C-alpha atoms as a PDB file:
ATOM      1  CA  MET A   1     132.990 134.508 249.771  1.00  0.00           C
ATOM      2  CA  ALA A   2     131.099 131.326 249.615  1.00  0.00           C
ATOM      3  CA  ASP A   3     132.187 130.819 245.961  1.00  0.00           C
ATOM      4  CA  LEU A   4     135.917 130.652 247.191  1.00  0.00           C
ATOM      5  CA  ILE A   5     134.958 127.866 249.768  1.00  0.00           C
ATOM      6  CA  GLU A   6     133.411 125.407 247.346  1.00  0.00           C
ATOM      7  CA  ARG A   7     134.857 122.119 246.585  1.00  0.00           C
ATOM      8  CA  LEU A   8     137.191 122.066 249.571  1.00  0.00           C
ATOM      9  CA  ASP A   9     135.655 119.042 251.114  1.00  0.00           C
ATOM     10  CA  GLY A  10     136.764 116.575 248.513  1.00  0.00           C
ATOM     11  CA  PRO A  11     139.819 114.428 248.379  1.00  0.00           C
ATOM     12  CA  ARG A  12     142.958 116.353 247.787  1.00  0.00           C
ATOM     13  CA  THR A  13     144.771 115.671 244.477  1.00  0.00           C
ATOM     14  CA  ALA A  14     148.558 114.421 244.492  1.00  0.00           C
ATOM     15  CA  GLN A  15     149.555 118.059 243.616  1.00  0.00           C
ATOM     16  CA  GLN A  16     147.767 119.375 246.765  1.00  0.00           C
ATOM     17  CA  GLU A  17     148.983 116.766 248.989  1.00  0.00           C
ATOM     18  CA  LEU A  18     152.704 117.473 248.067  1.00  0.00           C
ATOM     19  CA  PHE A  19     151.995 121.284 248.292  1.00  0.00           C
ATOM     20  CA  TYR A  20     150.599 120.983 251.906  1.00  0.00           C
ATOM     21  CA  ASP A  21     153.333 118.353 252.852  1.00  0.00           C
ATOM     22  CA  LEU A  22     155.943 120.922 251.538  1.00  0.00           C
ATOM     23  CA  GLU A  23     154.760 123.686 253.299  1.00  0.00           C
ATOM     24  CA  ASP A  24     154.276 121.755 256.596  1.00  0.00           C
ATOM     25  CA  ALA A  25     158.008 120.586 256.255  1.00  0.00           C
ATOM     26  CA  ALA A  26     159.100 124.235 255.658  1.00  0.00           C
ATOM     27  CA  ALA A  27     157.073 125.398 258.691  1.00  0.00           C
ATOM     28  CA  VAL A  28     158.727 122.708 260.835  1.00  0.00           C
ATOM     29  CA  ILE A  29     162.223 123.816 259.627  1.00  0.00           C
ATOM     30  CA  ALA A  30     161.439 127.302 260.127  1.00  0.00           C
ATOM     31  CA  TRP A  31     160.297 126.580 263.795  1.00  0.00           C
ATOM     32  CA  SER A  32     163.441 124.603 264.461  1.00  0.00           C
ATOM     33  CA  VAL A  33     165.768 127.247 263.141  1.00  0.00           C
ATOM     34  CA  SER A  34     163.956 129.705 265.491  1.00  0.00           C
ATOM     35  CA  GLU A  35     164.309 127.348 268.563  1.00  0.00           C
ATOM     36  CA  LEU A  36     167.920 126.614 267.640  1.00  0.00           C
ATOM     37  CA  THR A  37     168.903 130.171 267.352  1.00  0.00           C
ATOM     38  CA  ALA A  38     167.330 130.682 270.802  1.00  0.00           C
ATOM     39  CA  ILE A  39     169.217 127.866 272.363  1.00  0.00           C
ATOM     40  CA  ALA A  40     172.562 129.015 270.717  1.00  0.00           C
ATOM     41  CA  GLY A  41     172.254 132.308 272.490  1.00  0.00           C
ATOM     42  CA  VAL A  42     171.686 130.702 275.945  1.00  0.00           C
ATOM     43  CA  ASP A  43     174.976 130.075 277.990  1.00  0.00           C
ATOM     44  CA  ARG A  44     176.728 128.123 275.332  1.00  0.00           C
ATOM     45  CA  SER A  45     180.429 127.899 274.435  1.00  0.00           C
ATOM     46  CA  PRO A  46     181.574 129.689 271.334  1.00  0.00           C
ATOM     47  CA  ASP A  47     182.080 126.426 269.655  1.00  0.00           C
ATOM     48  CA  GLU A  48     178.535 125.280 270.615  1.00  0.00           C
ATOM     49  CA  ALA A  49     176.936 128.388 269.483  1.00  0.00           C
ATOM     50  CA  ILE A  50     178.973 128.092 266.035  1.00  0.00           C
ATOM     51  CA  ALA A  51     177.735 124.512 265.677  1.00  0.00           C
ATOM     52  CA  LEU A  52     174.163 125.442 266.292  1.00  0.00           C
ATOM     53  CA  MET A  53     174.337 128.444 264.075  1.00  0.00           C
ATOM     54  CA  LYS A  54     175.820 126.281 261.316  1.00  0.00           C
ATOM     55  CA  ILE A  55     172.826 123.855 261.745  1.00  0.00           C
ATOM     56  CA  CYS A  56     170.472 126.836 261.527  1.00  0.00           C
ATOM     57  CA  ALA A  57     171.909 127.857 258.384  1.00  0.00           C
ATOM     58  CA  LEU A  58     171.588 124.393 256.731  1.00  0.00           C
ATOM     59  CA  LEU A  59     168.080 124.348 257.868  1.00  0.00           C
ATOM     60  CA  ALA A  60     167.259 127.531 256.691  1.00  0.00           C
ATOM     61  CA  ALA A  61     168.633 126.673 253.174  1.00  0.00           C
ATOM     62  CA  GLN A  62     166.462 123.468 253.028  1.00  0.00           C
ATOM     63  CA  GLN A  63     163.461 125.376 254.233  1.00  0.00           C
ATOM     64  CA  ALA A  64     164.054 127.951 251.305  1.00  0.00           C
ATOM     65  CA  THR A  65     164.266 124.819 248.960  1.00  0.00           C
ATOM     66  CA  LEU A  66     161.120 123.369 250.212  1.00  0.00           C
ATOM     67  CA  ALA A  67     159.365 126.782 249.968  1.00  0.00           C
ATOM     68  CA  GLY A  68     160.484 126.927 246.351  1.00  0.00           C
ATOM     69  CA  TYR A  69     159.173 123.570 245.463  1.00  0.00           C
ATOM     70  CA  ALA A  70     155.891 124.552 247.111  1.00  0.00           C
ATOM     71  CA  ASP A  71     155.805 127.773 244.931  1.00  0.00           C
ATOM     72  CA  GLY A  72     156.557 125.662 241.926  1.00  0.00           C
ATOM     73  CA  LEU A  73     153.575 123.439 242.589  1.00  0.00           C
ATOM     74  CA  LYS A  74     151.391 126.423 243.335  1.00  0.00           C
ATOM     75  CA  THR A  75     152.303 128.126 239.997  1.00  0.00           C
ATOM     76  CA  GLY A  76     151.860 124.820 237.994  1.00  0.00           C
ATOM     77  CA  GLN A  77     155.759 124.738 237.190  1.00  0.00           C
ATOM     78  CA  ILE A  78     155.960 121.361 239.033  1.00  0.00           C
ATOM     79  CA  THR A  79     153.274 118.752 238.690  1.00  0.00           C
ATOM     80  CA  ARG A  80     152.709 115.494 240.429  1.00  0.00           C
ATOM     81  CA  ARG A  81     150.207 112.705 239.853  1.00  0.00           C
ATOM     82  CA  LYS A  82     149.391 109.603 241.987  1.00  0.00           C
ATOM     83  CA  PRO A  83     150.998 106.637 241.277  1.00  0.00           C
ATOM     84  CA  GLY A  84     149.166 103.718 239.466  1.00  0.00           C
END
């Protein structure tokens, strides 16, 4: 197990920074979808509930896109380097 934990204290590469930023953004979007879905079900007019559910669908699509980018980074299909 110790060999799996080696070299984690150094600076992150541009690739790692982007991966973690994408994962964080996807998690925030997933949380937002969950919260908005709950809000849509609590004493809302049908029009309000439909609008909130459309927002949730759009956010879920963006979350899937970001998760795909993060997977591409993890597998090496997408690469990033620091500018300069």
